[in-house]
Amino acid sequence: YWRNINHWSTIYNVSMPYSQFFDGGQAFHSTTKSMWNPPGSGGCVNMRSADAKAYWNLLRNGDDVYVYGRKPGT
């Protein structure tokens, strides 16, 4: 529903490049940190930079997205 290529999270005080929000505060976005180190995501779908860029070019506002699964060990 909302996209911001250079988003900054004021909640977590971190950069969220290629943010594509799909449910409230949840978004697909790039991260430079390991997705496996604690605390992990606060609810977003963290992606490698190349993957987040690919999604940026693939998705548009209004597209339906479905997110399945969870991080192993949670």
PDB file of N, CA and C in Angstrom:
ATOM      1  N   TYR A   1       0.805  -1.195   0.000  1.00  0.00           N
ATOM      2  CA  TYR A   1       0.000   0.000   0.000  1.00  0.00           C
ATOM      3  C   TYR A   1       0.854   1.268   0.000  1.00  0.00           C
ATOM      4  N   TRP A   2       2.149   1.139   0.368  1.00  0.00           N
ATOM      5  CA  TRP A   2       3.027   2.312   0.379  1.00  0.00           C
ATOM      6  C   TRP A   2       4.461   1.872   0.163  1.00  0.00           C
ATOM      7  N   ARG A   3       5.172   2.620  -0.667  1.00  0.00           N
ATOM      8  CA  ARG A   3       6.561   2.290  -0.996  1.00  0.00           C
ATOM      9  C   ARG A   3       7.462   3.494  -0.718  1.00  0.00           C
ATOM     10  N   ASN A   4       8.674   3.218  -0.210  1.00  0.00           N
ATOM     11  CA  ASN A   4       9.644   4.273   0.033  1.00  0.00           C
ATOM     12  C   ASN A   4      11.031   3.678  -0.160  1.00  0.00           C
ATOM     13  N   ILE A   5      11.720   4.123  -1.183  1.00  0.00           N
ATOM     14  CA  ILE A   5      13.011   3.525  -1.533  1.00  0.00           C
ATOM     15  C   ILE A   5      14.094   3.807  -0.487  1.00  0.00           C
ATOM     16  N   ASN A   6      13.962   4.906   0.258  1.00  0.00           N
ATOM     17  CA  ASN A   6      14.969   5.269   1.270  1.00  0.00           C
ATOM     18  C   ASN A   6      14.330   5.459   2.642  1.00  0.00           C
ATOM     19  N   HIS A   7      13.499   4.526   3.051  1.00  0.00           N
ATOM     20  CA  HIS A   7      12.768   4.673   4.310  1.00  0.00           C
ATOM     21  C   HIS A   7      13.702   4.600   5.519  1.00  0.00           C
ATOM     22  N   TRP A   8      13.388   5.396   6.537  1.00  0.00           N
ATOM     23  CA  TRP A   8      14.087   5.342   7.822  1.00  0.00           C
ATOM     24  C   TRP A   8      13.057   5.020   8.895  1.00  0.00           C
ATOM     25  N   SER A   9      13.287   3.964   9.656  1.00  0.00           N
ATOM     26  CA  SER A   9      12.379   3.585  10.732  1.00  0.00           C
ATOM     27  C   SER A   9      12.651   4.455  11.953  1.00  0.00           C
ATOM     28  N   THR A  10      11.641   5.214  12.359  1.00  0.00           N
ATOM     29  CA  THR A  10      11.771   6.015  13.577  1.00  0.00           C
ATOM     30  C   THR A  10      11.518   5.153  14.815  1.00  0.00           C
ATOM     31  N   ILE A  11      10.910   3.991  14.632  1.00  0.00           N
ATOM     32  CA  ILE A  11      10.667   3.075  15.749  1.00  0.00           C
ATOM     33  C   ILE A  11      11.957   2.356  16.142  1.00  0.00           C
ATOM     34  N   TYR A  12      12.676   1.819  15.151  1.00  0.00           N
ATOM     35  CA  TYR A  12      13.882   1.038  15.408  1.00  0.00           C
ATOM     36  C   TYR A  12      15.161   1.813  15.126  1.00  0.00           C
ATOM     37  N   ASN A  13      15.021   3.042  14.603  1.00  0.00           N
ATOM     38  CA  ASN A  13      16.163   3.902  14.299  1.00  0.00           C
ATOM     39  C   ASN A  13      17.155   3.217  13.361  1.00  0.00           C
ATOM     40  N   VAL A  14      16.624   2.658  12.267  1.00  0.00           N
ATOM     41  CA  VAL A  14      17.448   1.971  11.277  1.00  0.00           C
ATOM     42  C   VAL A  14      16.977   2.314   9.867  1.00  0.00           C
ATOM     43  N   SER A  15      17.892   2.173   8.934  1.00  0.00           N
ATOM     44  CA  SER A  15      17.562   2.343   7.527  1.00  0.00           C
ATOM     45  C   SER A  15      16.829   1.106   7.019  1.00  0.00           C
ATOM     46  N   MET A  16      15.818   1.328   6.192  1.00  0.00           N
ATOM     47  CA  MET A  16      15.039   0.232   5.596  1.00  0.00           C
ATOM     48  C   MET A  16      14.919   0.477   4.087  1.00  0.00           C
ATOM     49  N   PRO A  17      16.028   0.299   3.339  1.00  0.00           N
ATOM     50  CA  PRO A  17      15.984   0.562   1.897  1.00  0.00           C
ATOM     51  C   PRO A  17      14.981  -0.336   1.179  1.00  0.00           C
ATOM     52  N   TYR A  18      14.397   0.212   0.135  1.00  0.00           N
ATOM     53  CA  TYR A  18      13.439  -0.512  -0.717  1.00  0.00           C
ATOM     54  C   TYR A  18      12.221  -1.002   0.064  1.00  0.00           C
ATOM     55  N   SER A  19      11.733  -0.196   0.995  1.00  0.00           N
ATOM     56  CA  SER A  19      10.573  -0.584   1.804  1.00  0.00           C
ATOM     57  C   SER A  19       9.293  -0.578   0.988  1.00  0.00           C
ATOM     58  N   GLN A  20       8.565  -1.684   1.089  1.00  0.00           N
ATOM     59  CA  GLN A  20       7.249  -1.813   0.467  1.00  0.00           C
ATOM     60  C   GLN A  20       6.306  -2.348   1.539  1.00  0.00           C
ATOM     61  N   PHE A  21       5.523  -1.432   2.111  1.00  0.00           N
ATOM     62  CA  PHE A  21       4.636  -1.773   3.215  1.00  0.00           C
ATOM     63  C   PHE A  21       3.385  -2.465   2.687  1.00  0.00           C
ATOM     64  N   PHE A  22       3.019  -3.565   3.357  1.00  0.00           N
ATOM     65  CA  PHE A  22       1.876  -4.346   2.895  1.00  0.00           C
ATOM     66  C   PHE A  22       0.835  -4.582   3.978  1.00  0.00           C
ATOM     67  N   ASP A  23       1.166  -4.320   5.255  1.00  0.00           N
ATOM     68  CA  ASP A  23       0.200  -4.546   6.338  1.00  0.00           C
ATOM     69  C   ASP A  23       0.608  -3.710   7.539  1.00  0.00           C
ATOM     70  N   GLY A  24       0.017  -2.551   7.696  1.00  0.00           N
ATOM     71  CA  GLY A  24       0.386  -1.682   8.805  1.00  0.00           C
ATOM     72  C   GLY A  24       1.845  -1.302   8.724  1.00  0.00           C
ATOM     73  N   GLY A  25       2.612  -1.674   9.754  1.00  0.00           N
ATOM     74  CA  GLY A  25       4.036  -1.361   9.775  1.00  0.00           C
ATOM     75  C   GLY A  25       4.924  -2.432   9.180  1.00  0.00           C
ATOM     76  N   GLN A  26       4.344  -3.504   8.646  1.00  0.00           N
ATOM     77  CA  GLN A  26       5.141  -4.586   8.071  1.00  0.00           C
ATOM     78  C   GLN A  26       5.460  -4.282   6.612  1.00  0.00           C
ATOM     79  N   ALA A  27       6.709  -4.588   6.260  1.00  0.00           N
ATOM     80  CA  ALA A  27       7.167  -4.285   4.905  1.00  0.00           C
ATOM     81  C   ALA A  27       8.186  -5.315   4.440  1.00  0.00           C
ATOM     82  N   PHE A  28       8.306  -5.431   3.128  1.00  0.00           N
ATOM     83  CA  PHE A  28       9.476  -6.066   2.522  1.00  0.00           C
ATOM     84  C   PHE A  28      10.537  -4.968   2.502  1.00  0.00           C
ATOM     85  N   HIS A  29      11.772  -5.263   2.896  1.00  0.00           N
ATOM     86  CA  HIS A  29      12.828  -4.261   2.770  1.00  0.00           C
ATOM     87  C   HIS A  29      14.198  -4.910   2.878  1.00  0.00           C
ATOM     88  N   SER A  30      15.181  -4.165   2.405  1.00  0.00           N
ATOM     89  CA  SER A  30      16.567  -4.613   2.462  1.00  0.00           C
ATOM     90  C   SER A  30      17.127  -4.408   3.862  1.00  0.00           C
ATOM     91  N   THR A  31      18.058  -5.264   4.235  1.00  0.00           N
ATOM     92  CA  THR A  31      18.785  -5.080   5.494  1.00  0.00           C
ATOM     93  C   THR A  31      20.235  -5.465   5.272  1.00  0.00           C
ATOM     94  N   THR A  32      21.133  -4.777   5.958  1.00  0.00           N
ATOM     95  CA  THR A  32      22.555  -5.097   5.827  1.00  0.00           C
ATOM     96  C   THR A  32      23.013  -6.017   6.948  1.00  0.00           C
ATOM     97  N   LYS A  33      22.186  -6.177   7.975  1.00  0.00           N
ATOM     98  CA  LYS A  33      22.538  -7.059   9.091  1.00  0.00           C
ATOM     99  C   LYS A  33      22.109  -8.488   8.778  1.00  0.00           C
ATOM    100  N   SER A  34      22.714  -9.416   9.471  1.00  0.00           N
ATOM    101  CA  SER A  34      22.309 -10.807   9.325  1.00  0.00           C
ATOM    102  C   SER A  34      20.883 -10.979   9.819  1.00  0.00           C
ATOM    103  N   MET A  35      20.073 -11.674   9.055  1.00  0.00           N
ATOM    104  CA  MET A  35      18.696 -11.928   9.441  1.00  0.00           C
ATOM    105  C   MET A  35      18.595 -13.003  10.515  1.00  0.00           C
ATOM    106  N   TRP A  36      19.691 -13.676  10.815  1.00  0.00           N
ATOM    107  CA  TRP A  36      19.684 -14.791  11.762  1.00  0.00           C
ATOM    108  C   TRP A  36      20.156 -14.400  13.146  1.00  0.00           C
ATOM    109  N   ASN A  37      20.709 -13.181  13.297  1.00  0.00           N
ATOM    110  CA  ASN A  37      21.179 -12.737  14.612  1.00  0.00           C
ATOM    111  C   ASN A  37      20.035 -12.107  15.391  1.00  0.00           C
ATOM    112  N   PRO A  38      19.996 -12.325  16.693  1.00  0.00           N
ATOM    113  CA  PRO A  38      18.948 -11.715  17.523  1.00  0.00           C
ATOM    114  C   PRO A  38      19.032 -10.192  17.451  1.00  0.00           C
ATOM    115  N   PRO A  39      17.962  -9.457  17.531  1.00  0.00           N
ATOM    116  CA  PRO A  39      16.617  -9.978  17.753  1.00  0.00           C
ATOM    117  C   PRO A  39      15.911 -10.358  16.464  1.00  0.00           C
ATOM    118  N   GLY A  40      16.533 -10.188  15.321  1.00  0.00           N
ATOM    119  CA  GLY A  40      15.868 -10.503  14.060  1.00  0.00           C
ATOM    120  C   GLY A  40      14.893  -9.405  13.678  1.00  0.00           C
ATOM    121  N   SER A  41      13.916  -9.744  12.894  1.00  0.00           N
ATOM    122  CA  SER A  41      12.939  -8.777  12.411  1.00  0.00           C
ATOM    123  C   SER A  41      11.927  -8.416  13.486  1.00  0.00           C
ATOM    124  N   GLY A  42      11.464  -7.172  13.431  1.00  0.00           N
ATOM    125  CA  GLY A  42      10.389  -6.734  14.306  1.00  0.00           C
ATOM    126  C   GLY A  42       9.034  -7.008  13.695  1.00  0.00           C
ATOM    127  N   GLY A  43       8.996  -7.757  12.617  1.00  0.00           N
ATOM    128  CA  GLY A  43       7.747  -8.094  11.954  1.00  0.00           C
ATOM    129  C   GLY A  43       7.819  -7.969  10.447  1.00  0.00           C
ATOM    130  N   CYS A  44       8.855  -7.321   9.950  1.00  0.00           N
ATOM    131  CA  CYS A  44       9.014  -7.144   8.501  1.00  0.00           C
ATOM    132  C   CYS A  44       9.599  -8.395   7.852  1.00  0.00           C
ATOM    133  N   VAL A  45       9.603  -8.386   6.536  1.00  0.00           N
ATOM    134  CA  VAL A  45      10.278  -9.421   5.766  1.00  0.00           C
ATOM    135  C   VAL A  45      11.612  -8.827   5.336  1.00  0.00           C
ATOM    136  N   ASN A  46      12.676  -9.153   6.081  1.00  0.00           N
ATOM    137  CA  ASN A  46      14.008  -8.654   5.763  1.00  0.00           C
ATOM    138  C   ASN A  46      14.572  -9.436   4.591  1.00  0.00           C
ATOM    139  N   MET A  47      15.226  -8.709   3.682  1.00  0.00           N
ATOM    140  CA  MET A  47      15.718  -9.330   2.461  1.00  0.00           C
ATOM    141  C   MET A  47      17.139  -8.880   2.160  1.00  0.00           C
ATOM    142  N   ARG A  48      17.872  -9.731   1.431  1.00  0.00           N
ATOM    143  CA  ARG A  48      19.163  -9.293   0.914  1.00  0.00           C
ATOM    144  C   ARG A  48      18.913  -8.127  -0.045  1.00  0.00           C
ATOM    145  N   SER A  49      19.888  -7.258  -0.198  1.00  0.00           N
ATOM    146  CA  SER A  49      19.724  -6.068  -1.029  1.00  0.00           C
ATOM    147  C   SER A  49      19.279  -6.408  -2.448  1.00  0.00           C
ATOM    148  N   ALA A  50      19.915  -7.392  -3.065  1.00  0.00           N
ATOM    149  CA  ALA A  50      19.566  -7.765  -4.442  1.00  0.00           C
ATOM    150  C   ALA A  50      18.120  -8.241  -4.540  1.00  0.00           C
ATOM    151  N   ASP A  51      17.651  -8.978  -3.538  1.00  0.00           N
ATOM    152  CA  ASP A  51      16.271  -9.474  -3.544  1.00  0.00           C
ATOM    153  C   ASP A  51      15.279  -8.328  -3.336  1.00  0.00           C
ATOM    154  N   ALA A  52      15.601  -7.412  -2.411  1.00  0.00           N
ATOM    155  CA  ALA A  52      14.718  -6.270  -2.166  1.00  0.00           C
ATOM    156  C   ALA A  52      14.600  -5.396  -3.417  1.00  0.00           C
ATOM    157  N   LYS A  53      15.706  -5.215  -4.133  1.00  0.00           N
ATOM    158  CA  LYS A  53      15.679  -4.445  -5.385  1.00  0.00           C
ATOM    159  C   LYS A  53      14.812  -5.147  -6.426  1.00  0.00           C
ATOM    160  N   ALA A  54      14.935  -6.468  -6.507  1.00  0.00           N
ATOM    161  CA  ALA A  54      14.129  -7.227  -7.469  1.00  0.00           C
ATOM    162  C   ALA A  54      12.645  -7.090  -7.146  1.00  0.00           C
ATOM    163  N   TYR A  55      12.280  -7.192  -5.869  1.00  0.00           N
ATOM    164  CA  TYR A  55      10.878  -7.010  -5.462  1.00  0.00           C
ATOM    165  C   TYR A  55      10.408  -5.601  -5.768  1.00  0.00           C
ATOM    166  N   TRP A  56      11.282  -4.605  -5.561  1.00  0.00           N
ATOM    167  CA  TRP A  56      10.946  -3.211  -5.843  1.00  0.00           C
ATOM    168  C   TRP A  56      10.524  -3.068  -7.312  1.00  0.00           C
ATOM    169  N   ASN A  57      11.245  -3.737  -8.194  1.00  0.00           N
ATOM    170  CA  ASN A  57      10.943  -3.649  -9.624  1.00  0.00           C
ATOM    171  C   ASN A  57       9.760  -4.518 -10.032  1.00  0.00           C
ATOM    172  N   LEU A  58       9.399  -5.471  -9.203  1.00  0.00           N
ATOM    173  CA  LEU A  58       8.326  -6.409  -9.511  1.00  0.00           C
ATOM    174  C   LEU A  58       6.962  -5.930  -9.013  1.00  0.00           C
ATOM    175  N   LEU A  59       6.918  -5.424  -7.782  1.00  0.00           N
ATOM    176  CA  LEU A  59       5.643  -5.076  -7.154  1.00  0.00           C
ATOM    177  C   LEU A  59       5.239  -3.630  -7.422  1.00  0.00           C
ATOM    178  N   ARG A  60       3.940  -3.376  -7.348  1.00  0.00           N
ATOM    179  CA  ARG A  60       3.359  -2.037  -7.485  1.00  0.00           C
ATOM    180  C   ARG A  60       2.334  -1.848  -6.373  1.00  0.00           C
ATOM    181  N   ASN A  61       2.025  -0.597  -6.051  1.00  0.00           N
ATOM    182  CA  ASN A  61       0.969  -0.325  -5.075  1.00  0.00           C
ATOM    183  C   ASN A  61      -0.308  -1.020  -5.518  1.00  0.00           C
ATOM    184  N   GLY A  62      -0.965  -1.664  -4.568  1.00  0.00           N
ATOM    185  CA  GLY A  62      -2.221  -2.348  -4.861  1.00  0.00           C
ATOM    186  C   GLY A  62      -2.067  -3.818  -5.190  1.00  0.00           C
ATOM    187  N   ASP A  63      -0.843  -4.291  -5.430  1.00  0.00           N
ATOM    188  CA  ASP A  63      -0.641  -5.719  -5.687  1.00  0.00           C
ATOM    189  C   ASP A  63      -0.951  -6.519  -4.419  1.00  0.00           C
ATOM    190  N   ASP A  64      -1.547  -7.674  -4.602  1.00  0.00           N
ATOM    191  CA  ASP A  64      -1.777  -8.588  -3.481  1.00  0.00           C
ATOM    192  C   ASP A  64      -0.487  -9.330  -3.173  1.00  0.00           C
ATOM    193  N   VAL A  65      -0.154  -9.446  -1.890  1.00  0.00           N
ATOM    194  CA  VAL A  65       1.000 -10.240  -1.472  1.00  0.00           C
ATOM    195  C   VAL A  65       0.554 -11.198  -0.376  1.00  0.00           C
ATOM    196  N   TYR A  66       1.181 -12.345  -0.324  1.00  0.00           N
ATOM    197  CA  TYR A  66       0.901 -13.349   0.684  1.00  0.00           C
ATOM    198  C   TYR A  66       2.229 -13.754   1.309  1.00  0.00           C
ATOM    199  N   VAL A  67       2.309 -13.695   2.622  1.00  0.00           N
ATOM    200  CA  VAL A  67       3.535 -14.043   3.329  1.00  0.00           C
ATOM    201  C   VAL A  67       3.244 -15.288   4.159  1.00  0.00           C
ATOM    202  N   TYR A  68       4.033 -16.337   3.915  1.00  0.00           N
ATOM    203  CA  TYR A  68       3.859 -17.612   4.610  1.00  0.00           C
ATOM    204  C   TYR A  68       5.129 -17.952   5.369  1.00  0.00           C
ATOM    205  N   GLY A  69       4.964 -18.726   6.418  1.00  0.00           N
ATOM    206  CA  GLY A  69       6.117 -19.257   7.130  1.00  0.00           C
ATOM    207  C   GLY A  69       6.584 -18.355   8.249  1.00  0.00           C
ATOM    208  N   ARG A  70       7.704 -18.768   8.832  1.00  0.00           N
ATOM    209  CA  ARG A  70       8.313 -18.012   9.914  1.00  0.00           C
ATOM    210  C   ARG A  70       9.778 -18.360   9.974  1.00  0.00           C
ATOM    211  N   LYS A  71      10.522 -17.556  10.687  1.00  0.00           N
ATOM    212  CA  LYS A  71      11.947 -17.810  10.840  1.00  0.00           C
ATOM    213  C   LYS A  71      12.136 -19.060  11.685  1.00  0.00           C
ATOM    214  N   PRO A  72      12.957 -20.008  11.234  1.00  0.00           N
ATOM    215  CA  PRO A  72      13.192 -21.220  12.016  1.00  0.00           C
ATOM    216  C   PRO A  72      13.649 -20.887  13.433  1.00  0.00           C
ATOM    217  N   GLY A  73      13.128 -21.606  14.411  1.00  0.00           N
ATOM    218  CA  GLY A  73      13.498 -21.411  15.793  1.00  0.00           C
ATOM    219  C   GLY A  73      12.639 -20.407  16.531  1.00  0.00           C
ATOM    220  N   THR A  74      11.634 -19.855  15.858  1.00  0.00           N
ATOM    221  CA  THR A  74      10.769 -18.876  16.544  1.00  0.00           C
ATOM    222  C   THR A  74       9.421 -19.470  16.824  1.00  0.00           C
TER     223      THR A  74
END
